[in-house]
Amino acid sequence: MKPSRFSEEQIIGMLKEQEAGSKTADICRKYGISAATFYKFKGKYGGMDVSDARRLKALEDENARLKKLLAEQMLDNAILKDVASKKW
């Protein structure tokens, strides 16, 4: 997936601007994003503080690392089962 060109702090700042009363179209034009992107950000980061967003990012990174380790372990296990099932 392509990384966002905005940091979590910037995204939360955009959402705070909209909550403060600015129009969504004005915010989208100001930051050069589409309305769909804005609402995607709102769905993911809506109601969060910067510390919450940082914690979410850390958890997502850890989850990706653990998924990779699990996939490698399952591959090793399948290879060992394949070798053990052969008759020598």
C-alpha atoms as a PDB file:
ATOM      1  CA  MET A   1       0.000   0.000   0.000  1.00  0.00           C
ATOM      2  CA  LYS A   2       1.249   3.467  -0.850  1.00  0.00           C
ATOM      3  CA  PRO A   3       2.185   5.475   2.246  1.00  0.00           C
ATOM      4  CA  SER A   4       0.279   8.661   2.981  1.00  0.00           C
ATOM      5  CA  ARG A   5       2.027  11.924   2.264  1.00  0.00           C
ATOM      6  CA  PHE A   6       0.501  13.292   5.474  1.00  0.00           C
ATOM      7  CA  SER A   7       1.573  12.397   8.988  1.00  0.00           C
ATOM      8  CA  GLU A   8      -0.921  11.398  11.647  1.00  0.00           C
ATOM      9  CA  GLU A   9      -0.548  14.821  13.246  1.00  0.00           C
ATOM     10  CA  GLN A  10      -1.435  16.578   9.980  1.00  0.00           C
ATOM     11  CA  ILE A  11      -4.439  14.332   9.377  1.00  0.00           C
ATOM     12  CA  ILE A  12      -5.756  14.917  12.882  1.00  0.00           C
ATOM     13  CA  GLY A  13      -5.205  18.643  12.358  1.00  0.00           C
ATOM     14  CA  MET A  14      -7.365  18.514   9.220  1.00  0.00           C
ATOM     15  CA  LEU A  15     -10.111  16.722  11.114  1.00  0.00           C
ATOM     16  CA  LYS A  16      -9.952  19.260  13.952  1.00  0.00           C
ATOM     17  CA  GLU A  17     -10.326  22.090  11.412  1.00  0.00           C
ATOM     18  CA  GLN A  18     -13.463  20.473  10.044  1.00  0.00           C
ATOM     19  CA  GLU A  19     -14.852  19.930  13.550  1.00  0.00           C
ATOM     20  CA  ALA A  20     -14.172  23.602  14.314  1.00  0.00           C
ATOM     21  CA  GLY A  21     -16.566  24.630  11.563  1.00  0.00           C
ATOM     22  CA  SER A  22     -14.635  24.787   8.316  1.00  0.00           C
ATOM     23  CA  LYS A  23     -16.273  23.315   5.252  1.00  0.00           C
ATOM     24  CA  THR A  24     -15.000  19.950   4.086  1.00  0.00           C
ATOM     25  CA  ALA A  25     -14.586  21.182   0.507  1.00  0.00           C
ATOM     26  CA  ASP A  26     -12.391  24.087   1.678  1.00  0.00           C
ATOM     27  CA  ILE A  27     -10.158  21.768   3.697  1.00  0.00           C
ATOM     28  CA  CYS A  28      -9.840  19.341   0.787  1.00  0.00           C
ATOM     29  CA  ARG A  29      -8.874  22.163  -1.566  1.00  0.00           C
ATOM     30  CA  LYS A  30      -6.386  23.585   0.955  1.00  0.00           C
ATOM     31  CA  TYR A  31      -4.535  20.278   1.403  1.00  0.00           C
ATOM     32  CA  GLY A  32      -5.008  18.984  -2.151  1.00  0.00           C
ATOM     33  CA  ILE A  33      -6.978  15.853  -1.306  1.00  0.00           C
ATOM     34  CA  SER A  34     -10.284  14.466  -2.498  1.00  0.00           C
ATOM     35  CA  ALA A  35     -13.405  14.325  -0.369  1.00  0.00           C
ATOM     36  CA  ALA A  36     -13.187  10.516  -0.410  1.00  0.00           C
ATOM     37  CA  THR A  37      -9.681  10.675   1.045  1.00  0.00           C
ATOM     38  CA  PHE A  38     -10.828  13.112   3.696  1.00  0.00           C
ATOM     39  CA  TYR A  39     -13.666  10.823   4.759  1.00  0.00           C
ATOM     40  CA  LYS A  40     -11.309   7.828   4.726  1.00  0.00           C
ATOM     41  CA  PHE A  41      -9.049   9.736   7.108  1.00  0.00           C
ATOM     42  CA  LYS A  42     -12.075  10.660   9.195  1.00  0.00           C
ATOM     43  CA  GLY A  43     -13.117   7.013   9.397  1.00  0.00           C
ATOM     44  CA  LYS A  44      -9.684   5.920  10.551  1.00  0.00           C
ATOM     45  CA  TYR A  45      -8.585   8.838  12.743  1.00  0.00           C
ATOM     46  CA  GLY A  46     -11.897  10.447  13.731  1.00  0.00           C
ATOM     47  CA  GLY A  47     -12.076  11.198  17.450  1.00  0.00           C
ATOM     48  CA  MET A  48      -8.395  10.417  18.064  1.00  0.00           C
ATOM     49  CA  ASP A  49      -5.678  12.467  19.625  1.00  0.00           C
ATOM     50  CA  VAL A  50      -2.121  12.501  18.313  1.00  0.00           C
ATOM     51  CA  SER A  51      -0.979  10.079  21.029  1.00  0.00           C
ATOM     52  CA  ASP A  52      -3.763   7.651  20.078  1.00  0.00           C
ATOM     53  CA  ALA A  53      -2.713   7.796  16.425  1.00  0.00           C
ATOM     54  CA  ARG A  54       0.916   7.099  17.317  1.00  0.00           C
ATOM     55  CA  ARG A  55      -0.169   4.126  19.428  1.00  0.00           C
ATOM     56  CA  LEU A  56      -2.318   2.845  16.545  1.00  0.00           C
ATOM     57  CA  LYS A  57       0.639   3.099  14.151  1.00  0.00           C
ATOM     58  CA  ALA A  58       2.892   1.227  16.594  1.00  0.00           C
ATOM     59  CA  LEU A  59       0.309  -1.534  16.989  1.00  0.00           C
ATOM     60  CA  GLU A  60      -0.133  -1.828  13.208  1.00  0.00           C
ATOM     61  CA  ASP A  61       3.649  -2.137  12.758  1.00  0.00           C
ATOM     62  CA  GLU A  62       3.881  -4.787  15.473  1.00  0.00           C
ATOM     63  CA  ASN A  63       0.945  -6.690  13.958  1.00  0.00           C
ATOM     64  CA  ALA A  64       2.614  -6.711  10.530  1.00  0.00           C
ATOM     65  CA  ARG A  65       5.864  -7.976  12.052  1.00  0.00           C
ATOM     66  CA  LEU A  66       4.067 -10.762  13.918  1.00  0.00           C
ATOM     67  CA  LYS A  67       2.135 -11.802  10.803  1.00  0.00           C
ATOM     68  CA  LYS A  68       5.417 -12.071   8.902  1.00  0.00           C
ATOM     69  CA  LEU A  69       6.947 -14.209  11.656  1.00  0.00           C
ATOM     70  CA  LEU A  70       3.896 -16.476  11.685  1.00  0.00           C
ATOM     71  CA  ALA A  71       4.016 -16.931   7.900  1.00  0.00           C
ATOM     72  CA  GLU A  72       7.713 -17.839   8.047  1.00  0.00           C
ATOM     73  CA  GLN A  73       7.082 -20.295  10.873  1.00  0.00           C
ATOM     74  CA  MET A  74       4.215 -21.939   8.983  1.00  0.00           C
ATOM     75  CA  LEU A  75       6.418 -22.268   5.890  1.00  0.00           C
ATOM     76  CA  ASP A  76       9.205 -23.883   7.913  1.00  0.00           C
ATOM     77  CA  ASN A  77       6.665 -26.257   9.460  1.00  0.00           C
ATOM     78  CA  ALA A  78       5.291 -27.257   6.048  1.00  0.00           C
ATOM     79  CA  ILE A  79       8.807 -27.920   4.726  1.00  0.00           C
ATOM     80  CA  LEU A  80       9.641 -30.111   7.726  1.00  0.00           C
ATOM     81  CA  LYS A  81       6.389 -32.075   7.314  1.00  0.00           C
ATOM     82  CA  ASP A  82       7.154 -32.588   3.631  1.00  0.00           C
ATOM     83  CA  VAL A  83      10.651 -33.878   4.386  1.00  0.00           C
ATOM     84  CA  ALA A  84       9.415 -36.114   7.201  1.00  0.00           C
ATOM     85  CA  SER A  85       6.686 -37.674   5.044  1.00  0.00           C
ATOM     86  CA  LYS A  86       9.091 -38.920   2.376  1.00  0.00           C
ATOM     87  CA  LYS A  87      10.331 -42.483   2.578  1.00  0.00           C
ATOM     88  CA  TRP A  88      14.072 -42.825   2.363  1.00  0.00           C
END
